[in-house]
PDB file of N, CA and C in Angstrom:
ATOM      1  N   MET A   1      -7.359 -63.080 286.674  1.00  0.00           N
ATOM      2  CA  MET A   1      -8.542 -63.903 286.546  1.00  0.00           C
ATOM      3  C   MET A   1      -8.562 -64.981 287.614  1.00  0.00           C
ATOM      4  N   SER A   2      -7.655 -64.917 288.550  1.00  0.00           N
ATOM      5  CA  SER A   2      -7.571 -65.809 289.709  1.00  0.00           C
ATOM      6  C   SER A   2      -7.385 -67.285 289.347  1.00  0.00           C
ATOM      7  N   PHE A   3      -6.640 -67.567 288.278  1.00  0.00           N
ATOM      8  CA  PHE A   3      -6.277 -68.933 287.944  1.00  0.00           C
ATOM      9  C   PHE A   3      -4.912 -69.230 288.542  1.00  0.00           C
ATOM     10  N   GLU A   4      -4.780 -70.433 289.070  1.00  0.00           N
ATOM     11  CA  GLU A   4      -3.482 -70.920 289.510  1.00  0.00           C
ATOM     12  C   GLU A   4      -3.197 -72.180 288.709  1.00  0.00           C
ATOM     13  N   VAL A   5      -2.118 -72.141 287.937  1.00  0.00           N
ATOM     14  CA  VAL A   5      -1.785 -73.266 287.073  1.00  0.00           C
ATOM     15  C   VAL A   5      -0.457 -73.859 287.537  1.00  0.00           C
ATOM     16  N   LYS A   6      -0.479 -75.182 287.746  1.00  0.00           N
ATOM     17  CA  LYS A   6       0.707 -75.909 288.182  1.00  0.00           C
ATOM     18  C   LYS A   6       0.911 -77.100 287.261  1.00  0.00           C
ATOM     19  N   ILE A   7       2.118 -77.607 287.257  1.00  0.00           N
ATOM     20  CA  ILE A   7       2.423 -78.823 286.525  1.00  0.00           C
ATOM     21  C   ILE A   7       2.897 -79.860 287.540  1.00  0.00           C
ATOM     22  N   LYS A   8       2.399 -81.090 287.383  1.00  0.00           N
ATOM     23  CA  LYS A   8       2.777 -82.175 288.290  1.00  0.00           C
ATOM     24  C   LYS A   8       3.308 -83.321 287.447  1.00  0.00           C
ATOM     25  N   ILE A   9       4.556 -83.705 287.739  1.00  0.00           N
ATOM     26  CA  ILE A   9       5.205 -84.789 287.011  1.00  0.00           C
ATOM     27  C   ILE A   9       5.449 -85.929 287.988  1.00  0.00           C
ATOM     28  N   GLY A  10       4.788 -87.042 287.733  1.00  0.00           N
ATOM     29  CA  GLY A  10       4.947 -88.206 288.608  1.00  0.00           C
ATOM     30  C   GLY A  10       4.553 -87.897 290.038  1.00  0.00           C
ATOM     31  N   ASP A  11       5.403 -88.328 290.966  1.00  0.00           N
ATOM     32  CA  ASP A  11       5.115 -88.145 292.388  1.00  0.00           C
ATOM     33  C   ASP A  11       5.701 -86.853 292.954  1.00  0.00           C
ATOM     34  N   MET A  12       6.257 -86.027 292.094  1.00  0.00           N
ATOM     35  CA  MET A  12       6.867 -84.778 292.548  1.00  0.00           C
ATOM     36  C   MET A  12       5.789 -83.795 293.000  1.00  0.00           C
ATOM     37  N   ASP A  13       6.176 -82.869 293.853  1.00  0.00           N
ATOM     38  CA  ASP A  13       5.249 -81.814 294.244  1.00  0.00           C
ATOM     39  C   ASP A  13       4.928 -80.951 293.031  1.00  0.00           C
ATOM     40  N   PRO A  14       3.687 -80.485 292.916  1.00  0.00           N
ATOM     41  CA  PRO A  14       3.336 -79.620 291.790  1.00  0.00           C
ATOM     42  C   PRO A  14       4.176 -78.339 291.795  1.00  0.00           C
ATOM     43  N   ILE A  15       4.473 -77.847 290.595  1.00  0.00           N
ATOM     44  CA  ILE A  15       5.262 -76.625 290.440  1.00  0.00           C
ATOM     45  C   ILE A  15       4.372 -75.567 289.810  1.00  0.00           C
ATOM     46  N   LEU A  16       4.271 -74.437 290.470  1.00  0.00           N
ATOM     47  CA  LEU A  16       3.487 -73.323 289.955  1.00  0.00           C
ATOM     48  C   LEU A  16       4.127 -72.818 288.668  1.00  0.00           C
ATOM     49  N   ILE A  17       3.315 -72.644 287.632  1.00  0.00           N
ATOM     50  CA  ILE A  17       3.836 -72.139 286.366  1.00  0.00           C
ATOM     51  C   ILE A  17       3.824 -70.618 286.435  1.00  0.00           C
ATOM     52  N   ASP A  18       4.990 -70.076 286.655  1.00  0.00           N
ATOM     53  CA  ASP A  18       5.169 -68.621 286.665  1.00  0.00           C
ATOM     54  C   ASP A  18       6.633 -68.309 286.365  1.00  0.00           C
ATOM     55  N   TYR A  19       6.931 -67.048 286.183  1.00  0.00           N
ATOM     56  CA  TYR A  19       8.276 -66.644 285.793  1.00  0.00           C
ATOM     57  C   TYR A  19       9.322 -67.056 286.827  1.00  0.00           C
ATOM     58  N   ALA A  20       8.948 -66.998 288.105  1.00  0.00           N
ATOM     59  CA  ALA A  20       9.895 -67.334 289.175  1.00  0.00           C
ATOM     60  C   ALA A  20      10.347 -68.793 289.091  1.00  0.00           C
ATOM     61  N   ASN A  21       9.526 -69.668 288.541  1.00  0.00           N
ATOM     62  CA  ASN A  21       9.858 -71.087 288.434  1.00  0.00           C
ATOM     63  C   ASN A  21      10.345 -71.484 287.045  1.00  0.00           C
ATOM     64  N   LYS A  22      10.628 -70.507 286.211  1.00  0.00           N
ATOM     65  CA  LYS A  22      11.054 -70.774 284.834  1.00  0.00           C
ATOM     66  C   LYS A  22      12.273 -71.690 284.779  1.00  0.00           C
ATOM     67  N   LYS A  23      13.268 -71.425 285.594  1.00  0.00           N
ATOM     68  CA  LYS A  23      14.489 -72.237 285.585  1.00  0.00           C
ATOM     69  C   LYS A  23      14.203 -73.663 286.066  1.00  0.00           C
ATOM     70  N   LYS A  24      13.402 -73.799 287.105  1.00  0.00           N
ATOM     71  CA  LYS A  24      13.054 -75.119 287.628  1.00  0.00           C
ATOM     72  C   LYS A  24      12.294 -75.940 286.584  1.00  0.00           C
ATOM     73  N   LEU A  25      11.378 -75.298 285.881  1.00  0.00           N
ATOM     74  CA  LEU A  25      10.579 -75.994 284.880  1.00  0.00           C
ATOM     75  C   LEU A  25      11.392 -76.354 283.635  1.00  0.00           C
ATOM     76  N   SER A  26      12.421 -75.566 283.332  1.00  0.00           N
ATOM     77  CA  SER A  26      13.188 -75.790 282.108  1.00  0.00           C
ATOM     78  C   SER A  26      13.991 -77.093 282.130  1.00  0.00           C
ATOM     79  N   LYS A  27      14.219 -77.662 283.298  1.00  0.00           N
ATOM     80  CA  LYS A  27      14.978 -78.917 283.340  1.00  0.00           C
ATOM     81  C   LYS A  27      14.110 -80.142 283.057  1.00  0.00           C
ATOM     82  N   PHE A  28      12.810 -79.953 282.910  1.00  0.00           N
ATOM     83  CA  PHE A  28      11.912 -81.061 282.598  1.00  0.00           C
ATOM     84  C   PHE A  28      11.630 -81.075 281.100  1.00  0.00           C
ATOM     85  N   THR A  29      12.498 -81.739 280.355  1.00  0.00           N
ATOM     86  CA  THR A  29      12.286 -81.907 278.921  1.00  0.00           C
ATOM     87  C   THR A  29      12.063 -83.391 278.670  1.00  0.00           C
ATOM     88  N   ASN A  30      11.483 -83.687 277.557  1.00  0.00           N
ATOM     89  CA  ASN A  30      11.235 -85.080 277.185  1.00  0.00           C
ATOM     90  C   ASN A  30      10.375 -85.811 278.211  1.00  0.00           C
ATOM     91  N   ILE A  31       9.335 -85.144 278.664  1.00  0.00           N
ATOM     92  CA  ILE A  31       8.370 -85.746 279.583  1.00  0.00           C
ATOM     93  C   ILE A  31       7.134 -86.115 278.770  1.00  0.00           C
ATOM     94  N   LEU A  32       6.683 -87.336 278.897  1.00  0.00           N
ATOM     95  CA  LEU A  32       5.568 -87.846 278.107  1.00  0.00           C
ATOM     96  C   LEU A  32       4.225 -87.674 278.818  1.00  0.00           C
ATOM     97  N   ARG A  33       4.165 -88.023 280.066  1.00  0.00           N
ATOM     98  CA  ARG A  33       2.888 -88.037 280.808  1.00  0.00           C
ATOM     99  C   ARG A  33       3.013 -87.170 282.046  1.00  0.00           C
ATOM    100  N   PHE A  34       2.130 -86.165 282.168  1.00  0.00           N
ATOM    101  CA  PHE A  34       2.122 -85.267 283.322  1.00  0.00           C
ATOM    102  C   PHE A  34       0.712 -84.739 283.539  1.00  0.00           C
ATOM    103  N   ASP A  35       0.518 -84.037 284.612  1.00  0.00           N
ATOM    104  CA  ASP A  35      -0.770 -83.407 284.911  1.00  0.00           C
ATOM    105  C   ASP A  35      -0.602 -81.899 284.920  1.00  0.00           C
ATOM    106  N   ILE A  36      -1.606 -81.216 284.418  1.00  0.00           N
ATOM    107  CA  ILE A  36      -1.696 -79.774 284.595  1.00  0.00           C
ATOM    108  C   ILE A  36      -2.811 -79.561 285.609  1.00  0.00           C
ATOM    109  N   LEU A  37      -2.513 -78.800 286.635  1.00  0.00           N
ATOM    110  CA  LEU A  37      -3.492 -78.501 287.675  1.00  0.00           C
ATOM    111  C   LEU A  37      -3.961 -77.056 287.507  1.00  0.00           C
ATOM    112  N   VAL A  38      -5.239 -76.888 287.270  1.00  0.00           N
ATOM    113  CA  VAL A  38      -5.832 -75.560 287.172  1.00  0.00           C
ATOM    114  C   VAL A  38      -6.717 -75.393 288.393  1.00  0.00           C
ATOM    115  N   ASN A  39      -6.300 -74.494 289.275  1.00  0.00           N
ATOM    116  CA  ASN A  39      -6.993 -74.327 290.560  1.00  0.00           C
ATOM    117  C   ASN A  39      -7.182 -75.672 291.248  1.00  0.00           C
ATOM    118  N   ASN A  40      -6.109 -76.486 291.221  1.00  0.00           N
ATOM    119  CA  ASN A  40      -6.027 -77.806 291.857  1.00  0.00           C
ATOM    120  C   ASN A  40      -6.926 -78.873 291.241  1.00  0.00           C
ATOM    121  N   LYS A  41      -7.481 -78.620 290.069  1.00  0.00           N
ATOM    122  CA  LYS A  41      -8.227 -79.646 289.342  1.00  0.00           C
ATOM    123  C   LYS A  41      -7.294 -80.217 288.277  1.00  0.00           C
ATOM    124  N   ALA A  42      -7.072 -81.526 288.317  1.00  0.00           N
ATOM    125  CA  ALA A  42      -6.084 -82.172 287.450  1.00  0.00           C
ATOM    126  C   ALA A  42      -6.630 -82.443 286.052  1.00  0.00           C
ATOM    127  N   ILE A  43      -5.782 -82.152 285.075  1.00  0.00           N
ATOM    128  CA  ILE A  43      -6.027 -82.504 283.679  1.00  0.00           C
ATOM    129  C   ILE A  43      -4.861 -83.393 283.256  1.00  0.00           C
ATOM    130  N   LYS A  44      -5.164 -84.638 282.873  1.00  0.00           N
ATOM    131  CA  LYS A  44      -4.113 -85.564 282.449  1.00  0.00           C
ATOM    132  C   LYS A  44      -3.649 -85.184 281.044  1.00  0.00           C
ATOM    133  N   VAL A  45      -2.338 -85.143 280.862  1.00  0.00           N
ATOM    134  CA  VAL A  45      -1.754 -84.760 279.574  1.00  0.00           C
ATOM    135  C   VAL A  45      -0.785 -85.847 279.114  1.00  0.00           C
ATOM    136  N   VAL A  46      -0.900 -86.229 277.854  1.00  0.00           N
ATOM    137  CA  VAL A  46       0.074 -87.106 277.210  1.00  0.00           C
ATOM    138  C   VAL A  46       0.615 -86.322 276.017  1.00  0.00           C
ATOM    139  N   ALA A  47       1.895 -86.017 276.064  1.00  0.00           N
ATOM    140  CA  ALA A  47       2.544 -85.261 274.986  1.00  0.00           C
ATOM    141  C   ALA A  47       3.235 -86.255 274.065  1.00  0.00           C
ATOM    142  N   GLY A  48       2.437 -86.940 273.261  1.00  0.00           N
ATOM    143  CA  GLY A  48       2.943 -88.018 272.427  1.00  0.00           C
ATOM    144  C   GLY A  48       3.657 -87.542 271.182  1.00  0.00           C
ATOM    145  N   PRO A  49       4.307 -88.473 270.500  1.00  0.00           N
ATOM    146  CA  PRO A  49       5.009 -88.150 269.257  1.00  0.00           C
ATOM    147  C   PRO A  49       4.005 -87.863 268.150  1.00  0.00           C
ATOM    148  N   SER A  50       4.462 -87.215 267.123  1.00  0.00           N
ATOM    149  CA  SER A  50       3.611 -86.966 265.972  1.00  0.00           C
ATOM    150  C   SER A  50       3.204 -88.296 265.343  1.00  0.00           C
ATOM    151  N   PRO A  51       1.925 -88.472 265.038  1.00  0.00           N
ATOM    152  CA  PRO A  51       1.508 -89.715 264.385  1.00  0.00           C
ATOM    153  C   PRO A  51       1.854 -89.744 262.896  1.00  0.00           C
ATOM    154  N   ALA A  52       2.375 -88.641 262.370  1.00  0.00           N
ATOM    155  CA  ALA A  52       2.716 -88.581 260.947  1.00  0.00           C
ATOM    156  C   ALA A  52       3.833 -89.562 260.616  1.00  0.00           C
ATOM    157  N   ASP A  53       3.892 -89.974 259.357  1.00  0.00           N
ATOM    158  CA  ASP A  53       4.933 -90.902 258.925  1.00  0.00           C
ATOM    159  C   ASP A  53       6.311 -90.260 258.912  1.00  0.00           C
ATOM    160  N   GLY A  54       6.393 -88.965 258.711  1.00  0.00           N
ATOM    161  CA  GLY A  54       7.684 -88.277 258.743  1.00  0.00           C
ATOM    162  C   GLY A  54       8.194 -88.275 260.174  1.00  0.00           C
ATOM    163  N   ASP A  55       9.211 -89.057 260.461  1.00  0.00           N
ATOM    164  CA  ASP A  55       9.658 -89.253 261.832  1.00  0.00           C
ATOM    165  C   ASP A  55      10.596 -88.171 262.338  1.00  0.00           C
ATOM    166  N   GLY A  56      11.074 -87.318 261.466  1.00  0.00           N
ATOM    167  CA  GLY A  56      11.977 -86.265 261.924  1.00  0.00           C
ATOM    168  C   GLY A  56      13.168 -86.860 262.652  1.00  0.00           C
ATOM    169  N   ASN A  57      13.385 -86.423 263.848  1.00  0.00           N
ATOM    170  CA  ASN A  57      14.530 -86.888 264.640  1.00  0.00           C
ATOM    171  C   ASN A  57      14.103 -87.857 265.735  1.00  0.00           C
ATOM    172  N   ILE A  58      13.191 -88.767 265.429  1.00  0.00           N
ATOM    173  CA  ILE A  58      12.685 -89.686 266.444  1.00  0.00           C
ATOM    174  C   ILE A  58      13.803 -90.523 267.067  1.00  0.00           C
ATOM    175  N   LEU A  59      14.852 -90.783 266.304  1.00  0.00           N
ATOM    176  CA  LEU A  59      15.952 -91.597 266.832  1.00  0.00           C
ATOM    177  C   LEU A  59      16.709 -90.865 267.939  1.00  0.00           C
ATOM    178  N   LEU A  60      16.597 -89.546 267.970  1.00  0.00           N
ATOM    179  CA  LEU A  60      17.259 -88.748 269.004  1.00  0.00           C
ATOM    180  C   LEU A  60      16.348 -88.476 270.199  1.00  0.00           C
ATOM    181  N   ASN A  61      15.087 -88.841 270.076  1.00  0.00           N
ATOM    182  CA  ASN A  61      14.096 -88.551 271.107  1.00  0.00           C
ATOM    183  C   ASN A  61      14.337 -89.418 272.352  1.00  0.00           C
ATOM    184  N   GLN A  62      14.467 -88.778 273.516  1.00  0.00           N
ATOM    185  CA  GLN A  62      14.725 -89.497 274.769  1.00  0.00           C
ATOM    186  C   GLN A  62      13.607 -90.470 275.124  1.00  0.00           C
ATOM    187  N   ILE A  63      12.381 -90.123 274.830  1.00  0.00           N
ATOM    188  CA  ILE A  63      11.258 -91.012 275.139  1.00  0.00           C
ATOM    189  C   ILE A  63      11.336 -92.275 274.278  1.00  0.00           C
ATOM    190  N   PHE A  64      11.691 -92.104 273.002  1.00  0.00           N
ATOM    191  CA  PHE A  64      11.874 -93.254 272.112  1.00  0.00           C
ATOM    192  C   PHE A  64      13.016 -94.140 272.609  1.00  0.00           C
ATOM    193  N   LYS A  65      14.105 -93.531 273.045  1.00  0.00           N
ATOM    194  CA  LYS A  65      15.237 -94.300 273.581  1.00  0.00           C
ATOM    195  C   LYS A  65      14.824 -95.072 274.837  1.00  0.00           C
ATOM    196  N   ARG A  66      14.019 -94.446 275.696  1.00  0.00           N
ATOM    197  CA  ARG A  66      13.536 -95.143 276.896  1.00  0.00           C
ATOM    198  C   ARG A  66      12.633 -96.306 276.512  1.00  0.00           C
ATOM    199  N   PHE A  67      11.798 -96.117 275.500  1.00  0.00           N
ATOM    200  CA  PHE A  67      10.916 -97.175 275.017  1.00  0.00           C
ATOM    201  C   PHE A  67      11.742 -98.377 274.552  1.00  0.00           C
ATOM    202  N   ILE A  68      12.796 -98.124 273.787  1.00  0.00           N
ATOM    203  CA  ILE A  68      13.656 -99.212 273.317  1.00  0.00           C
ATOM    204  C   ILE A  68      14.270 -99.956 274.506  1.00  0.00           C
ATOM    205  N   LYS A  69      14.758 -99.230 275.504  1.00  0.00           N
ATOM    206  CA  LYS A  69      15.360 -99.869 276.683  1.00  0.00           C
ATOM    207  C   LYS A  69      14.347-100.725 277.428  1.00  0.00           C
ATOM    208  N   LYS A  70      13.084-100.280 277.455  1.00  0.00           N
ATOM    209  CA  LYS A  70      12.051-101.013 278.199  1.00  0.00           C
ATOM    210  C   LYS A  70      11.662-102.307 277.484  1.00  0.00           C
ATOM    211  N   ILE A  71      11.571-102.288 276.142  1.00  0.00           N
ATOM    212  CA  ILE A  71      11.090-103.486 275.449  1.00  0.00           C
ATOM    213  C   ILE A  71      12.200-104.471 275.143  1.00  0.00           C
ATOM    214  N   ASN A  72      13.410-103.984 274.850  1.00  0.00           N
ATOM    215  CA  ASN A  72      14.530-104.883 274.587  1.00  0.00           C
ATOM    216  C   ASN A  72      15.826-104.077 274.562  1.00  0.00           C
ATOM    217  N   PRO A  73      16.573-104.108 275.630  1.00  0.00           N
ATOM    218  CA  PRO A  73      17.803-103.309 275.689  1.00  0.00           C
ATOM    219  C   PRO A  73      18.885-103.767 274.721  1.00  0.00           C
ATOM    220  N   ASN A  74      18.693-104.917 274.069  1.00  0.00           N
ATOM    221  CA  ASN A  74      19.704-105.439 273.155  1.00  0.00           C
ATOM    222  C   ASN A  74      19.442-105.095 271.691  1.00  0.00           C
ATOM    223  N   ILE A  75      18.485-104.217 271.432  1.00  0.00           N
ATOM    224  CA  ILE A  75      18.195-103.832 270.047  1.00  0.00           C
ATOM    225  C   ILE A  75      19.383-103.053 269.489  1.00  0.00           C
ATOM    226  N   ASN A  76      19.864-103.486 268.321  1.00  0.00           N
ATOM    227  CA  ASN A  76      21.017-102.838 267.689  1.00  0.00           C
ATOM    228  C   ASN A  76      20.622-101.921 266.544  1.00  0.00           C
ATOM    229  N   SER A  77      19.449-102.148 265.963  1.00  0.00           N
ATOM    230  CA  SER A  77      19.026-101.305 264.850  1.00  0.00           C
ATOM    231  C   SER A  77      17.550-100.968 265.001  1.00  0.00           C
ATOM    232  N   VAL A  78      17.216 -99.848 264.435  1.00  0.00           N
ATOM    233  CA  VAL A  78      15.835 -99.368 264.514  1.00  0.00           C
ATOM    234  C   VAL A  78      15.264 -99.359 263.100  1.00  0.00           C
ATOM    235  N   ASP A  79      14.143-100.051 262.924  1.00  0.00           N
ATOM    236  CA  ASP A  79      13.495-100.054 261.626  1.00  0.00           C
ATOM    237  C   ASP A  79      12.132 -99.372 261.732  1.00  0.00           C
ATOM    238  N   ASP A  80      11.445 -99.244 260.606  1.00  0.00           N
ATOM    239  CA  ASP A  80      10.150 -98.574 260.582  1.00  0.00           C
ATOM    240  C   ASP A  80       9.122 -99.285 261.445  1.00  0.00           C
ATOM    241  N   ASN A  81       9.230-100.623 261.541  1.00  0.00           N
ATOM    242  CA  ASN A  81       8.298-101.374 262.362  1.00  0.00           C
ATOM    243  C   ASN A  81       8.415-100.980 263.836  1.00  0.00           C
ATOM    244  N   LEU A  82       9.630-100.802 264.314  1.00  0.00           N
ATOM    245  CA  LEU A  82       9.832-100.397 265.708  1.00  0.00           C
ATOM    246  C   LEU A  82       9.277 -98.992 265.951  1.00  0.00           C
ATOM    247  N   LYS A  83       9.464 -98.098 265.000  1.00  0.00           N
ATOM    248  CA  LYS A  83       8.920 -96.745 265.121  1.00  0.00           C
ATOM    249  C   LYS A  83       7.395 -96.794 265.196  1.00  0.00           C
ATOM    250  N   ARG A  84       6.788 -97.643 264.351  1.00  0.00           N
ATOM    251  CA  ARG A  84       5.324 -97.787 264.381  1.00  0.00           C
ATOM    252  C   ARG A  84       4.854 -98.389 265.703  1.00  0.00           C
ATOM    253  N   ARG A  85       5.602 -99.387 266.203  1.00  0.00           N
ATOM    254  CA  ARG A  85       5.240 -99.991 267.496  1.00  0.00           C
ATOM    255  C   ARG A  85       5.289 -98.958 268.614  1.00  0.00           C
ATOM    256  N   PHE A  86       6.294 -98.104 268.578  1.00  0.00           N
ATOM    257  CA  PHE A  86       6.426 -97.042 269.575  1.00  0.00           C
ATOM    258  C   PHE A  86       5.211 -96.107 269.544  1.00  0.00           C
ATOM    259  N   LYS A  87       4.898 -95.609 268.363  1.00  0.00           N
ATOM    260  CA  LYS A  87       3.759 -94.689 268.236  1.00  0.00           C
ATOM    261  C   LYS A  87       2.455 -95.377 268.620  1.00  0.00           C
ATOM    262  N   SER A  88       2.293 -96.614 268.170  1.00  0.00           N
ATOM    263  CA  SER A  88       1.086 -97.367 268.494  1.00  0.00           C
ATOM    264  C   SER A  88       0.962 -97.571 270.000  1.00  0.00           C
ATOM    265  N   TYR A  89       2.057 -97.935 270.648  1.00  0.00           N
ATOM    266  CA  TYR A  89       2.041 -98.134 272.101  1.00  0.00           C
ATOM    267  C   TYR A  89       1.618 -96.856 272.821  1.00  0.00           C
ATOM    268  N   ILE A  90       2.187 -95.732 272.430  1.00  0.00           N
ATOM    269  CA  ILE A  90       1.861 -94.463 273.084  1.00  0.00           C
ATOM    270  C   ILE A  90       0.382 -94.149 272.914  1.00  0.00           C
ATOM    271  N   TYR A  91      -0.109 -94.180 271.688  1.00  0.00           N
ATOM    272  CA  TYR A  91      -1.492 -93.776 271.444  1.00  0.00           C
ATOM    273  C   TYR A  91      -2.506 -94.799 271.945  1.00  0.00           C
ATOM    274  N   GLN A  92      -2.210 -96.086 271.817  1.00  0.00           N
ATOM    275  CA  GLN A  92      -3.120 -97.109 272.354  1.00  0.00           C
ATOM    276  C   GLN A  92      -3.224 -96.989 273.869  1.00  0.00           C
ATOM    277  N   THR A  93      -2.101 -96.780 274.521  1.00  0.00           N
ATOM    278  CA  THR A  93      -2.099 -96.659 275.983  1.00  0.00           C
ATOM    279  C   THR A  93      -2.811 -95.380 276.417  1.00  0.00           C
ATOM    280  N   ALA A  94      -2.557 -94.291 275.732  1.00  0.00           N
ATOM    281  CA  ALA A  94      -3.160 -93.005 276.099  1.00  0.00           C
ATOM    282  C   ALA A  94      -4.666 -92.992 275.865  1.00  0.00           C
ATOM    283  N   LEU A  95      -5.104 -93.574 274.752  1.00  0.00           N
ATOM    284  CA  LEU A  95      -6.514 -93.457 274.381  1.00  0.00           C
ATOM    285  C   LEU A  95      -7.376 -94.628 274.836  1.00  0.00           C
ATOM    286  N   LEU A  96      -6.818 -95.831 274.847  1.00  0.00           N
ATOM    287  CA  LEU A  96      -7.625 -97.009 275.152  1.00  0.00           C
ATOM    288  C   LEU A  96      -7.215 -97.719 276.437  1.00  0.00           C
ATOM    289  N   GLY A  97      -6.048 -97.395 276.926  1.00  0.00           N
ATOM    290  CA  GLY A  97      -5.547 -98.045 278.134  1.00  0.00           C
ATOM    291  C   GLY A  97      -5.543 -97.080 279.298  1.00  0.00           C
ATOM    292  N   ASN A  98      -4.541 -97.195 280.125  1.00  0.00           N
ATOM    293  CA  ASN A  98      -4.378 -96.310 281.272  1.00  0.00           C
ATOM    294  C   ASN A  98      -3.220 -95.357 280.981  1.00  0.00           C
ATOM    295  N   PRO A  99      -3.504 -94.071 280.735  1.00  0.00           N
ATOM    296  CA  PRO A  99      -2.429 -93.133 280.409  1.00  0.00           C
ATOM    297  C   PRO A  99      -1.347 -93.066 281.484  1.00  0.00           C
ATOM    298  N   ASP A 100      -1.689 -93.406 282.713  1.00  0.00           N
ATOM    299  CA  ASP A 100      -0.695 -93.372 283.785  1.00  0.00           C
ATOM    300  C   ASP A 100       0.409 -94.416 283.573  1.00  0.00           C
ATOM    301  N   ASP A 101       0.138 -95.456 282.778  1.00  0.00           N
ATOM    302  CA  ASP A 101       1.164 -96.451 282.458  1.00  0.00           C
ATOM    303  C   ASP A 101       2.323 -95.842 281.680  1.00  0.00           C
ATOM    304  N   LEU A 102       2.100 -94.694 281.063  1.00  0.00           N
ATOM    305  CA  LEU A 102       3.154 -94.033 280.283  1.00  0.00           C
ATOM    306  C   LEU A 102       4.156 -93.281 281.151  1.00  0.00           C
ATOM    307  N   LYS A 103       3.866 -93.140 282.416  1.00  0.00           N
ATOM    308  CA  LYS A 103       4.778 -92.428 283.308  1.00  0.00           C
ATOM    309  C   LYS A 103       6.148 -93.104 283.388  1.00  0.00           C
ATOM    310  N   VAL A 104       6.192 -94.403 283.120  1.00  0.00           N
ATOM    311  CA  VAL A 104       7.481 -95.122 283.182  1.00  0.00           C
ATOM    312  C   VAL A 104       8.451 -94.630 282.109  1.00  0.00           C
ATOM    313  N   LEU A 105       7.950 -93.951 281.085  1.00  0.00           N
ATOM    314  CA  LEU A 105       8.815 -93.433 280.029  1.00  0.00           C
ATOM    315  C   LEU A 105       9.261 -91.987 280.294  1.00  0.00           C
ATOM    316  N   ASN A 106       8.858 -91.428 281.429  1.00  0.00           N
ATOM    317  CA  ASN A 106       9.240 -90.051 281.742  1.00  0.00           C
ATOM    318  C   ASN A 106      10.708 -89.902 282.098  1.00  0.00           C
ATOM    319  N   PHE A 107      11.253 -90.876 282.785  1.00  0.00           N
ATOM    320  CA  PHE A 107      12.632 -90.759 283.272  1.00  0.00           C
ATOM    321  C   PHE A 107      13.389 -92.050 282.994  1.00  0.00           C
ATOM    322  N   ASP A 108      14.709 -91.938 282.888  1.00  0.00           N
ATOM    323  CA  ASP A 108      15.566 -93.112 282.675  1.00  0.00           C
ATOM    324  C   ASP A 108      15.576 -93.975 283.925  1.00  0.00           C
TER     325      ASP A 108
END
């Protein structure tokens, strides 16, 4: 159907999504903000956490850990308020702010 689909993370060169690049793409986990390019037309994507109250393994999530480091590296405990602040920050920034501001949480 003559579609070319690429993924662009930050300032990196776009990577064509195909089987040949499977290994290269597999090293990009825990990425919050990226672009999908369809025939070189960019679609901004924010892969945010679930807004549900059931947090699952949010404490193990690399993006959540980066968020904690950004707001206060001296935090010793995580409570429900911090989890809510994290989710609120992601969704407020993605929907009402500048989604590109979330790129700082892509990498350590």
